[in-house]
Amino acid sequence: MSDFTHFNKQGRAKMVDISEKNESKRTAVAKTSVEVLPEIYEKIQSGSMGKGDVLSVAQVAGVMAAKNTSQWIPMCHPLSLTGVDISFSWEEKANSWLLHIEVTVKTTGKTGVEMEALTAASATALTVYDMCKAIDKGMIIGPTFLLRKTGGKSGDFQQEQFIDKN
């Protein structure tokens, strides 16, 4: 097990030593969605949700989550992020609406920002759920996934399964 960098010689989890790695520009994009009832969609769009502007609050929650990922995920390194951008789009379904959430996180550093992007996407979706749960506790979150990442020793990655072909 000592060959795998996430384990020490005793086979126990450890934070990976990145002191010898080179700095590079790194970007990660994560996506998730929240499926909501038409009533929730209308209230979010009209700004009439009782708890306030759902998407603004969710966006702030996502940025805060990205900045604090190392406090949530035990083996994550604290990172100095250079940018966090969260965007929303809607897709109408037969009896519901899908709120698509896309998070882009950037840094220049010795380790990637995949966990920061995924954590931000999750926190954004959870905040939407929290602000709308009085209307419907049956909202569905997900799938949540890494869409792409750039930089670092392992190079670029793109999730082909979820790429929009249009």
Protein backbone atom coordinates (compact mmCIF):
# COMPACT_ATOMS: atom_id res chain seq x y z
CA MET A 1 0.00 0.00 0.00
CA SER A 2 2.93 2.37 0.46
CA ASP A 3 3.02 2.94 -3.34
CA PHE A 4 -0.39 4.62 -3.24
CA THR A 5 0.16 8.21 -2.12
CA HIS A 6 -3.00 8.41 0.00
CA PHE A 7 -1.78 5.80 2.48
CA ASN A 8 1.14 5.81 4.89
CA LYS A 9 3.43 2.81 5.53
CA GLN A 10 0.90 1.45 8.03
CA GLY A 11 -1.85 1.50 5.40
CA ARG A 12 -3.66 4.40 7.06
CA ALA A 13 -5.01 7.42 5.22
CA LYS A 14 -2.83 10.52 5.04
CA MET A 15 -2.82 13.91 3.39
CA VAL A 16 -0.64 13.61 0.29
CA ASP A 17 2.68 15.47 0.39
CA ILE A 18 2.63 17.95 -2.51
CA SER A 19 5.76 19.87 -1.54
CA GLU A 20 7.73 18.57 -4.56
CA LYS A 21 4.98 19.15 -7.13
CA ASN A 22 5.18 22.02 -9.61
CA GLU A 23 2.62 24.79 -9.58
CA SER A 24 0.34 25.04 -12.61
CA LYS A 25 -2.89 26.72 -13.60
CA ARG A 26 -5.74 24.42 -12.71
CA THR A 27 -9.43 24.51 -13.48
CA ALA A 28 -12.27 22.19 -12.58
CA VAL A 29 -15.88 22.29 -13.73
CA ALA A 30 -18.55 20.36 -11.84
CA LYS A 31 -22.23 20.02 -12.58
CA THR A 32 -25.33 18.98 -10.72
CA SER A 33 -29.05 19.57 -10.94
CA VAL A 34 -32.12 19.94 -8.75
CA GLU A 35 -35.47 18.68 -10.01
CA VAL A 36 -38.30 20.86 -8.70
CA LEU A 37 -42.06 21.16 -9.05
CA PRO A 38 -43.47 23.82 -11.41
CA GLU A 39 -44.64 25.77 -8.33
CA ILE A 40 -41.06 26.04 -7.04
CA TYR A 41 -39.80 27.03 -10.48
CA GLU A 42 -42.41 29.82 -10.67
CA LYS A 43 -41.57 31.10 -7.18
CA ILE A 44 -37.82 31.11 -7.87
CA GLN A 45 -38.31 32.86 -11.21
CA SER A 46 -40.71 35.46 -9.80
CA GLY A 47 -38.61 36.05 -6.66
CA SER A 48 -41.55 35.17 -4.43
CA MET A 49 -39.99 32.37 -2.38
CA GLY A 50 -40.56 33.18 1.30
CA LYS A 51 -36.89 32.78 2.27
CA GLY A 52 -35.58 35.22 -0.35
CA ASP A 53 -33.69 35.11 -3.64
CA VAL A 54 -32.99 31.39 -3.91
CA LEU A 55 -30.35 31.49 -6.64
CA SER A 56 -28.40 34.38 -5.09
CA VAL A 57 -28.25 32.68 -1.71
CA ALA A 58 -27.35 29.34 -3.31
CA GLN A 59 -24.60 31.01 -5.33
CA VAL A 60 -23.05 32.54 -2.21
CA ALA A 61 -23.29 29.17 -0.44
CA GLY A 62 -21.47 27.52 -3.33
CA VAL A 63 -18.66 30.06 -3.29
CA MET A 64 -18.30 29.68 0.47
CA ALA A 65 -18.23 25.88 0.11
CA ALA A 66 -15.49 26.04 -2.53
CA LYS A 67 -13.40 28.28 -0.27
CA ASN A 68 -13.86 25.94 2.70
CA THR A 69 -13.62 22.51 1.07
CA SER A 70 -10.58 21.51 3.11
CA GLN A 71 -12.68 21.94 6.26
CA TRP A 72 -15.28 19.48 4.93
CA ILE A 73 -13.15 16.87 3.15
CA PRO A 74 -10.53 15.55 5.59
CA MET A 75 -7.59 14.92 3.22
CA CYS A 76 -8.06 18.01 1.01
CA HIS A 77 -5.35 20.64 1.03
CA PRO A 78 -6.37 24.20 1.85
CA LEU A 79 -6.08 26.11 -1.42
CA SER A 80 -5.88 29.71 -2.48
CA LEU A 81 -8.58 29.91 -5.13
CA THR A 82 -8.26 32.45 -7.91
CA GLY A 83 -11.86 32.21 -9.09
CA VAL A 84 -15.23 30.58 -8.48
CA ASP A 85 -18.09 31.01 -10.94
CA ILE A 86 -21.53 29.44 -10.57
CA SER A 87 -24.13 29.54 -13.33
CA PHE A 88 -27.72 28.32 -13.54
CA SER A 89 -29.96 27.21 -16.38
CA TRP A 90 -33.44 25.71 -16.48
CA GLU A 91 -34.80 22.75 -18.44
CA GLU A 92 -38.52 22.05 -18.60
CA LYS A 93 -39.56 18.41 -18.12
CA ALA A 94 -43.00 16.80 -18.44
CA ASN A 95 -44.16 17.54 -14.86
CA SER A 96 -41.16 19.31 -13.35
CA TRP A 97 -38.23 21.63 -13.98
CA LEU A 98 -34.52 20.83 -13.78
CA LEU A 99 -32.27 23.53 -12.40
CA HIS A 100 -28.84 22.88 -13.86
CA ILE A 101 -25.91 24.15 -11.77
CA GLU A 102 -22.42 24.51 -13.24
CA VAL A 103 -19.45 25.49 -11.09
CA THR A 104 -16.02 26.53 -12.38
CA VAL A 105 -13.17 26.79 -9.87
CA LYS A 106 -9.66 28.01 -10.69
CA THR A 107 -6.32 28.21 -8.93
CA THR A 108 -2.62 28.29 -9.61
CA GLY A 109 -1.09 25.74 -7.32
CA LYS A 110 0.33 22.31 -6.62
CA THR A 111 -2.94 20.40 -6.45
CA GLY A 112 -6.22 20.42 -8.33
CA VAL A 113 -9.58 21.97 -7.56
CA GLU A 114 -11.86 19.07 -8.43
CA MET A 115 -13.05 18.65 -4.86
CA GLU A 116 -13.68 22.38 -4.53
CA ALA A 117 -15.86 22.37 -7.66
CA LEU A 118 -17.79 19.27 -6.58
CA THR A 119 -18.27 20.60 -3.05
CA ALA A 120 -19.47 23.95 -4.38
CA ALA A 121 -21.95 22.27 -6.75
CA SER A 122 -23.29 20.12 -3.92
CA ALA A 123 -23.62 23.02 -1.48
CA THR A 124 -25.36 25.13 -4.12
CA ALA A 125 -27.91 22.36 -4.77
CA LEU A 126 -28.40 21.70 -1.06
CA THR A 127 -29.08 25.39 -0.47
CA VAL A 128 -31.74 25.39 -3.19
CA TYR A 129 -33.28 22.36 -1.47
CA ASP A 130 -33.16 24.04 1.93
CA MET A 131 -34.81 27.21 0.69
CA CYS A 132 -37.60 25.34 -1.12
CA LYS A 133 -38.27 22.34 1.11
CA ALA A 134 -41.34 23.94 2.73
CA ILE A 135 -43.11 23.51 -0.62
CA ASP A 136 -41.74 20.08 -1.57
CA LYS A 137 -39.41 17.75 0.29
CA GLY A 138 -39.38 15.42 -2.74
CA MET A 139 -36.91 17.45 -4.82
CA ILE A 140 -34.22 15.32 -6.43
CA ILE A 141 -30.57 16.38 -6.47
CA GLY A 142 -28.09 14.98 -8.97
CA PRO A 143 -26.32 13.52 -10.67
CA THR A 144 -23.31 15.46 -9.43
CA PHE A 145 -20.14 14.97 -11.42
CA LEU A 146 -16.85 16.43 -12.58
CA LEU A 147 -17.39 17.64 -16.14
CA ARG A 148 -13.77 18.53 -16.87
CA LYS A 149 -10.48 19.59 -15.35
CA THR A 150 -7.26 21.07 -16.67
CA GLY A 151 -3.71 21.29 -15.38
CA GLY A 152 -1.56 19.22 -13.11
CA LYS A 153 0.51 16.09 -13.50
CA SER A 154 -2.41 13.91 -14.61
CA GLY A 155 -3.32 16.36 -17.39
CA ASP A 156 -6.72 17.27 -18.72
CA PHE A 157 -9.92 15.28 -18.20
CA GLN A 158 -13.34 15.54 -19.79
CA GLN A 159 -16.40 13.51 -18.85
CA GLU A 160 -17.65 12.35 -22.25
CA GLN A 161 -20.85 10.79 -20.91
CA PHE A 162 -22.35 14.16 -19.92
CA ILE A 163 -21.06 16.43 -22.70
CA ASP A 164 -23.86 18.32 -24.44
CA LYS A 165 -23.72 17.22 -28.08
CA ASN A 166 -25.83 20.18 -29.37
